[in-house]
């Protein structure tokens, strides 16, 4: 497979993608560093019934965020690379659970999952700095190492010393990269169909449909493209679809850092001694049973499973199964205090 095709596959992976130890930094210092939106929930709710064509991208984001329910707070976290948008939900004393979304989407994609995650955990959903959300870079970002440093600054500002890290698609790739760089901070790692993590994407007609749509978005083709990624697109809330399509039409260039998001070296992954859960949809065009077999062979501390009736959008297609597996995994691995699972 040549580099051009590999790059196109990168686009296809994510073009349609919907991805307690808190303590040493005083809360007063955190308050000084973080801007709280002080959200008026009614202000966001007023957009719900309006024509999406009359709303700007931020308003579409805000109306999609109402799918989280009422129990959330938006934070603006300053870093040396720019301001990070972090949406927080759940009990303040809960074990931290960090969510990294997929490409060409944002934290609103977690709407089928957060209400369950936030029952016992304090959830932190971060909008990717170079993605389709509210995070805003203040300088040119031209290296993956800068993105990892950006995430680390966020965690340090929020005083998150150790946490469960969940990444979907592109977010799974970044979650793996961060876990390799800062293994002591990641107590449990969950990868939901992680893109380009265990190998290159295999070519297919569905993959090329996503490539073409990413570069030439057309509303009439949206349903057809979503069907390549989801087993039940009618289950995807229209509020989410509206803002997803708007972002797709306003950004038709190749995603930044795409060429650097290549599969990890097997020897590097063998050193990832963190309890890891890898889930893949049974109708996923990005990963396959072979991906799970590779994860089993390489990762020293891994559980894998296929999610039934799910495509690449497994956290939406079969949210009940994904939520249950993720929560059971994190709870069980926290009790073990480390990596005690054989990979075979």
Protein backbone atom coordinates (compact mmCIF):
# COMPACT_ATOMS: atom_id res chain seq x y z
CA UNK A 1 0.00 0.00 0.00
CA UNK A 2 1.57 3.28 -1.04
CA UNK A 3 1.71 6.43 1.05
CA UNK A 4 -1.01 8.22 -0.93
CA UNK A 5 -3.49 5.45 -0.29
CA UNK A 6 -2.45 5.28 3.35
CA UNK A 7 -3.14 9.01 3.68
CA UNK A 8 -6.52 8.66 1.99
CA UNK A 9 -7.36 5.83 4.35
CA UNK A 10 -6.53 8.12 7.26
CA UNK A 11 -9.19 10.51 6.03
CA UNK A 12 -11.71 7.73 5.63
CA UNK A 13 -11.12 6.45 9.12
CA UNK A 14 -12.22 9.59 10.76
CA UNK A 15 -14.11 11.61 8.16
CA UNK A 16 -17.37 10.03 9.27
CA UNK A 17 -16.39 9.41 12.84
CA UNK A 18 -18.66 10.41 15.17
CA UNK A 19 -13.51 8.75 19.66
CA UNK A 20 -9.64 9.02 41.98
CA UNK A 21 -6.64 10.83 42.41
CA UNK A 22 -7.21 14.54 42.12
CA UNK A 23 -5.22 16.31 44.43
CA UNK A 24 -1.97 18.14 44.65
CA UNK A 25 -3.00 21.43 43.03
CA UNK A 26 -5.16 23.62 45.30
CA UNK A 27 -8.69 24.17 44.05
CA UNK A 28 -8.19 27.95 44.33
CA UNK A 29 -5.32 27.80 41.84
CA UNK A 30 -7.44 25.74 39.47
CA UNK A 31 -10.27 28.25 39.70
CA UNK A 32 -7.86 31.06 38.79
CA UNK A 33 -6.65 29.16 35.76
CA UNK A 34 -9.97 27.93 34.41
CA UNK A 35 -12.84 29.89 32.95
CA UNK A 36 -16.28 28.46 33.65
CA UNK A 37 -18.95 29.29 31.10
CA UNK A 38 -21.65 29.56 33.79
CA UNK A 39 -24.06 27.98 31.33
CA UNK A 40 -27.68 28.98 31.09
CA UNK A 41 -29.20 25.65 30.03
CA UNK A 42 -32.30 27.40 28.71
CA UNK A 43 -30.10 29.47 26.41
CA UNK A 44 -28.80 26.32 24.68
CA UNK A 45 -32.23 24.66 24.68
CA UNK A 46 -33.75 27.49 22.69
CA UNK A 47 -31.76 26.38 19.63
CA UNK A 48 -33.19 22.86 19.63
CA UNK A 49 -36.29 23.61 17.57
CA UNK A 50 -34.73 26.19 15.28
CA UNK A 51 -33.87 25.57 11.62
CA UNK A 52 -30.23 24.36 11.64
CA UNK A 53 -29.54 26.40 8.49
CA UNK A 54 -30.11 29.58 10.51
CA UNK A 55 -27.56 28.62 13.19
CA UNK A 56 -23.80 29.05 13.18
CA UNK A 57 -21.40 26.20 14.00
CA UNK A 58 -21.12 27.08 17.68
CA UNK A 59 -24.88 27.23 18.09
CA UNK A 60 -25.19 23.83 16.42
CA UNK A 61 -22.58 22.49 18.85
CA UNK A 62 -24.48 23.97 21.78
CA UNK A 63 -27.81 22.44 20.76
CA UNK A 64 -26.13 19.05 20.29
CA UNK A 65 -24.60 19.35 23.75
CA UNK A 66 -28.09 19.48 25.24
CA UNK A 67 -28.23 15.73 24.46
CA UNK A 68 -25.92 15.29 27.48
CA UNK A 69 -28.77 16.33 29.74
CA UNK A 70 -28.57 19.12 32.31
CA UNK A 71 -25.73 17.95 34.52
CA UNK A 72 -22.61 19.28 32.83
CA UNK A 73 -20.21 22.20 32.96
CA UNK A 74 -18.12 23.65 30.16
CA UNK A 75 -14.60 24.70 31.10
CA UNK A 76 -12.10 26.79 29.16
CA UNK A 77 -8.66 25.54 30.17
CA UNK A 78 -5.66 27.71 29.21
CA UNK A 79 -2.51 26.03 27.90
CA UNK A 80 0.64 27.19 26.14
CA UNK A 81 -0.80 25.81 22.89
CA UNK A 82 -4.23 27.43 23.15
CA UNK A 83 -7.50 27.14 25.04
CA UNK A 84 -8.99 23.70 25.62
CA UNK A 85 -12.73 23.11 25.70
CA UNK A 86 -13.48 20.52 28.40
CA UNK A 87 -17.01 19.37 29.20
CA UNK A 88 -17.31 17.97 32.72
CA UNK A 89 -20.09 15.85 34.19
CA UNK A 90 -20.56 13.60 37.21
CA UNK A 91 -19.75 13.71 40.95
CA UNK A 92 -16.85 15.95 41.95
CA UNK A 93 -15.36 13.18 44.10
CA UNK A 94 -15.69 10.54 41.39
CA UNK A 95 -12.72 8.78 39.83
CA UNK A 96 -11.75 10.74 36.69
CA UNK A 97 -12.74 9.33 33.31
CA UNK A 98 -11.32 11.20 30.31
CA UNK A 99 -12.92 10.97 26.84
CA UNK A 100 -11.11 11.65 23.54
CA UNK A 101 -13.42 11.77 20.53
CA UNK A 102 -12.93 10.77 16.88
CA UNK A 103 -11.91 12.89 13.93
CA UNK A 104 -14.28 15.49 12.41
CA UNK A 105 -16.41 15.44 15.51
CA UNK A 106 -16.19 16.73 19.08
CA UNK A 107 -17.27 15.99 22.63
CA UNK A 108 -20.94 16.05 21.69
CA UNK A 109 -20.47 12.54 20.19
CA UNK A 110 -20.47 11.07 23.70
CA UNK A 111 -24.16 11.86 24.33
CA UNK A 112 -25.21 8.15 24.43
CA UNK A 113 -22.49 7.35 26.96
CA UNK A 114 -21.96 10.22 29.39
CA UNK A 115 -25.24 9.86 31.32
CA UNK A 116 -24.11 6.35 32.32
CA UNK A 117 -20.42 7.13 32.82
CA UNK A 118 -21.25 10.16 34.97
CA UNK A 119 -23.30 8.22 37.50
CA UNK A 120 -20.17 7.22 39.42
CA UNK A 121 -17.26 8.87 37.58
CA UNK A 122 -16.29 12.47 37.00
CA UNK A 123 -16.20 12.65 33.21
CA UNK A 124 -13.90 15.01 31.30
CA UNK A 125 -14.58 15.20 27.54
CA UNK A 126 -11.93 17.18 25.66
CA UNK A 127 -12.42 18.80 22.25
CA UNK A 128 -9.36 18.03 20.11
CA UNK A 129 -7.22 21.15 19.63
CA UNK A 130 -7.19 20.87 15.81
CA UNK A 131 -10.67 19.41 15.49
CA UNK A 132 -14.30 20.37 15.00
CA UNK A 133 -15.09 21.72 18.44
CA UNK A 134 -14.53 24.70 20.72
CA UNK A 135 -10.84 24.23 21.55
CA UNK A 136 -8.77 27.02 20.00
CA UNK A 137 -5.04 26.76 19.12
CA UNK A 138 -2.96 29.87 19.69
CA UNK A 139 0.01 28.76 17.61
CA UNK A 140 0.89 26.46 14.75
CA UNK A 141 0.73 22.81 15.79
CA UNK A 142 2.86 20.71 13.45
CA UNK A 143 3.88 17.71 15.56
CA UNK A 144 2.01 14.98 17.44
CA UNK A 145 4.32 15.57 20.40
CA UNK A 146 2.79 19.03 20.79
CA UNK A 147 -0.70 17.54 20.99
CA UNK A 148 0.41 15.08 23.67
CA UNK A 149 2.04 17.92 25.61
CA UNK A 150 -1.22 19.89 25.25
CA UNK A 151 -3.24 17.05 26.75
CA UNK A 152 -0.73 16.76 29.59
CA UNK A 153 -1.05 20.47 30.38
CA UNK A 154 -4.82 20.07 30.59
CA UNK A 155 -4.52 17.15 33.00
CA UNK A 156 -2.00 19.04 35.14
CA UNK A 157 -4.21 22.14 35.29
CA UNK A 158 -7.20 20.01 36.27
CA UNK A 159 -5.01 18.19 38.83
CA UNK A 160 -5.74 14.78 37.33
CA UNK A 161 -2.90 12.61 38.56
CA UNK A 162 -4.38 9.30 37.39
CA UNK A 163 -7.50 8.51 35.42
CA UNK A 164 -9.27 6.14 33.06
CA UNK A 165 -8.64 7.18 29.46
CA UNK A 166 -11.19 6.33 26.77
CA UNK A 167 -10.54 7.08 23.11
CA UNK A 168 -12.69 6.46 20.03
CA UNK A 169 -11.23 6.09 16.52
CA UNK A 170 -8.67 8.92 16.18
CA UNK A 171 -9.11 9.55 19.89
CA UNK A 172 -8.04 5.95 20.47
CA UNK A 173 -4.82 6.60 18.58
CA UNK A 174 -4.10 9.69 20.69
CA UNK A 175 -5.06 7.84 23.87
CA UNK A 176 -2.54 5.12 23.02
CA UNK A 177 0.11 7.70 22.24
CA UNK A 178 -0.48 9.48 25.54
CA UNK A 179 -0.45 6.20 27.51
CA UNK A 180 2.93 5.32 25.99
CA UNK A 181 4.30 8.75 26.90
CA UNK A 182 2.75 9.07 30.39
CA UNK A 183 1.93 5.52 31.57
CA UNK A 184 1.76 6.42 35.26
CA UNK A 185 -1.14 8.80 34.64
CA UNK A 186 -3.32 6.29 32.80
CA UNK A 187 -4.85 3.84 35.24
CA UNK A 188 -7.03 2.11 32.65
CA UNK A 189 -7.05 2.47 28.86
CA UNK A 190 -10.15 1.88 26.73
CA UNK A 191 -9.88 1.89 22.93
CA UNK A 192 -13.12 1.97 20.93
CA UNK A 193 -12.21 0.88 17.39
CA UNK A 194 -8.92 2.80 17.57
CA UNK A 195 -7.89 4.01 14.11
CA UNK A 196 -4.45 3.25 12.69
CA UNK A 197 -3.36 1.71 15.99
CA UNK A 198 -2.71 -1.95 15.22
CA UNK A 199 -2.27 -1.67 11.46
CA UNK A 200 -3.18 0.15 8.25
CA UNK A 201 -6.77 0.35 7.08
CA UNK A 202 -7.67 -2.17 4.40
CA UNK A 203 -9.07 -0.68 1.17
CA UNK A 204 -12.77 -1.07 0.43
CA UNK A 205 -15.57 0.69 -1.40
CA UNK A 206 -16.98 1.96 1.91
CA UNK A 207 -13.60 3.40 2.83
CA UNK A 208 -13.42 5.30 -0.46
CA UNK A 209 -16.97 6.61 -0.01
CA UNK A 210 -15.77 8.28 3.17
CA UNK A 211 -12.68 9.64 1.44
CA UNK A 212 -14.76 11.21 -1.30
CA UNK A 213 -17.31 12.66 1.12
CA UNK A 214 -14.58 14.16 3.32
CA UNK A 215 -13.21 16.07 0.35
CA UNK A 216 -16.55 16.73 -1.40
CA UNK A 217 -19.34 16.80 1.22
CA UNK A 218 -22.83 16.66 -0.23
CA UNK A 219 -25.95 16.54 1.92
CA UNK A 220 -27.62 14.12 -0.49
CA UNK A 221 -24.78 11.63 0.12
CA UNK A 222 -24.73 12.01 3.91
CA UNK A 223 -27.04 9.11 4.72
CA UNK A 224 -25.20 6.76 2.38
CA UNK A 225 -21.86 7.67 3.97
CA UNK A 226 -23.18 7.33 7.51
CA UNK A 227 -24.47 3.86 6.65
CA UNK A 228 -20.89 2.75 6.01
CA UNK A 229 -20.00 3.64 9.59
CA UNK A 230 -23.20 2.88 11.49
CA UNK A 231 -25.53 -0.12 11.61
CA UNK A 232 -28.49 2.06 12.57
CA UNK A 233 -28.20 5.67 11.47
CA UNK A 234 -31.81 6.32 12.44
CA UNK A 235 -30.61 5.86 16.00
CA UNK A 236 -28.28 8.85 15.67
CA UNK A 237 -29.94 11.98 17.01
CA UNK A 238 -30.66 14.62 14.38
CA UNK A 239 -29.19 17.35 16.58
CA UNK A 240 -25.86 15.57 16.38
CA UNK A 241 -26.13 14.91 12.63
CA UNK A 242 -26.87 18.58 11.89
CA UNK A 243 -23.70 19.85 13.52
CA UNK A 244 -21.62 16.96 12.19
CA UNK A 245 -22.62 17.84 8.62
CA UNK A 246 -21.95 21.55 9.14
CA UNK A 247 -18.41 20.86 10.32
CA UNK A 248 -17.88 18.54 7.35
CA UNK A 249 -18.88 21.26 4.88
CA UNK A 250 -16.73 23.95 6.47
CA UNK A 251 -13.53 21.89 6.57
CA UNK A 252 -12.77 19.94 3.40
CA UNK A 253 -8.97 19.91 3.62
CA UNK A 254 -6.87 17.02 4.87
CA UNK A 255 -6.75 16.96 8.69
CA UNK A 256 -3.62 18.36 10.31
CA UNK A 257 -0.96 15.86 11.45
CA UNK A 258 -2.60 13.12 9.38
CA UNK A 259 0.67 11.81 7.98
CA UNK A 260 2.06 11.34 11.51
CA UNK A 261 -0.83 9.15 12.69
CA UNK A 262 0.64 5.83 11.58
CA UNK A 263 0.29 2.39 13.21
CA UNK A 264 2.37 1.79 16.31
CA UNK A 265 5.44 -0.40 16.34
CA UNK A 266 4.67 -3.81 17.87
CA UNK A 267 7.67 -3.65 20.20
CA UNK A 268 6.50 -0.27 21.48
CA UNK A 269 3.04 -1.62 22.24
CA UNK A 270 4.49 -4.63 24.05
CA UNK A 271 5.78 -2.20 26.66
CA UNK A 272 2.31 -0.78 27.36
CA UNK A 273 1.72 -2.48 30.71
CA UNK A 274 -1.58 -0.74 31.40
CA UNK A 275 -4.91 -2.58 31.76
CA UNK A 276 -6.42 -2.09 28.31
CA UNK A 277 -9.83 -2.83 26.80
CA UNK A 278 -10.23 -2.91 23.01
CA UNK A 279 -13.74 -2.99 21.53
CA UNK A 280 -14.61 -3.28 17.84
CA UNK A 281 -18.02 -3.39 16.15
CA UNK A 282 -18.94 -6.60 14.35
CA UNK A 283 -19.61 -4.58 11.18
CA UNK A 284 -16.71 -2.16 11.54
CA UNK A 285 -14.99 -1.10 8.31
CA UNK A 286 -11.97 0.30 10.16
CA UNK A 287 -11.08 -2.61 12.46
CA UNK A 288 -11.83 -6.33 12.31
CA UNK A 289 -11.44 -9.56 14.31
CA UNK A 290 -7.85 -9.57 13.05
CA UNK A 291 -7.30 -6.25 14.83
CA UNK A 292 -8.44 -7.82 18.08
CA UNK A 293 -6.21 -10.85 17.52
CA UNK A 294 -3.24 -8.54 16.98
CA UNK A 295 -4.07 -6.62 20.16
CA UNK A 296 -4.23 -9.92 22.06
CA UNK A 297 -0.85 -11.00 20.73
CA UNK A 298 0.94 -7.70 21.33
CA UNK A 299 -0.48 -5.93 24.38
CA UNK A 300 0.66 -7.46 27.69
CA UNK A 301 -2.45 -6.52 29.67
CA UNK A 302 -5.47 -6.56 27.41
CA UNK A 303 -9.08 -7.63 27.11
CA UNK A 304 -10.80 -7.57 23.73
CA UNK A 305 -14.38 -8.00 22.58
CA UNK A 306 -16.55 -7.64 19.51
CA UNK A 307 -19.65 -5.49 19.98
CA UNK A 308 -22.70 -6.99 18.27
CA UNK A 309 -24.88 -4.98 15.92
CA UNK A 310 -22.37 -2.16 15.68
CA UNK A 311 -20.26 -0.48 13.04
CA UNK A 312 -17.41 1.95 13.54
CA UNK A 313 -19.79 4.14 15.54
CA UNK A 314 -20.06 1.41 18.16
CA UNK A 315 -20.53 3.82 21.09
CA UNK A 316 -23.75 4.99 19.41
CA UNK A 317 -24.88 1.87 17.55
CA UNK A 318 -24.83 -0.31 20.66
CA UNK A 319 -24.35 2.18 23.48
CA UNK A 320 -25.84 -0.17 26.08
CA UNK A 321 -23.26 -2.88 25.46
CA UNK A 322 -20.35 -0.44 25.19
CA UNK A 323 -21.33 1.44 28.35
CA UNK A 324 -21.70 -1.79 30.30
CA UNK A 325 -18.37 -3.24 29.15
CA UNK A 326 -16.44 -0.02 29.73
CA UNK A 327 -17.81 0.53 33.23
CA UNK A 328 -17.29 -3.10 34.26
CA UNK A 329 -13.73 -3.03 32.95
CA UNK A 330 -12.73 0.18 34.72
CA UNK A 331 -14.29 -0.93 37.99
CA UNK A 332 -12.60 -4.34 37.91
CA UNK A 333 -9.15 -3.03 36.92
CA UNK A 334 -9.20 -0.31 39.57
CA UNK A 335 -9.64 -3.02 42.21
CA UNK A 336 -6.61 -4.88 40.87
CA UNK A 337 -4.34 -1.83 41.18
CA UNK A 338 -2.26 -2.56 38.12
CA UNK A 339 -1.68 -4.95 35.27
CA UNK A 340 -2.38 -8.49 36.37
CA UNK A 341 -4.06 -9.92 33.28
CA UNK A 342 -2.24 -12.27 30.95
CA UNK A 343 -2.83 -11.40 27.31
CA UNK A 344 -3.43 -14.99 26.24
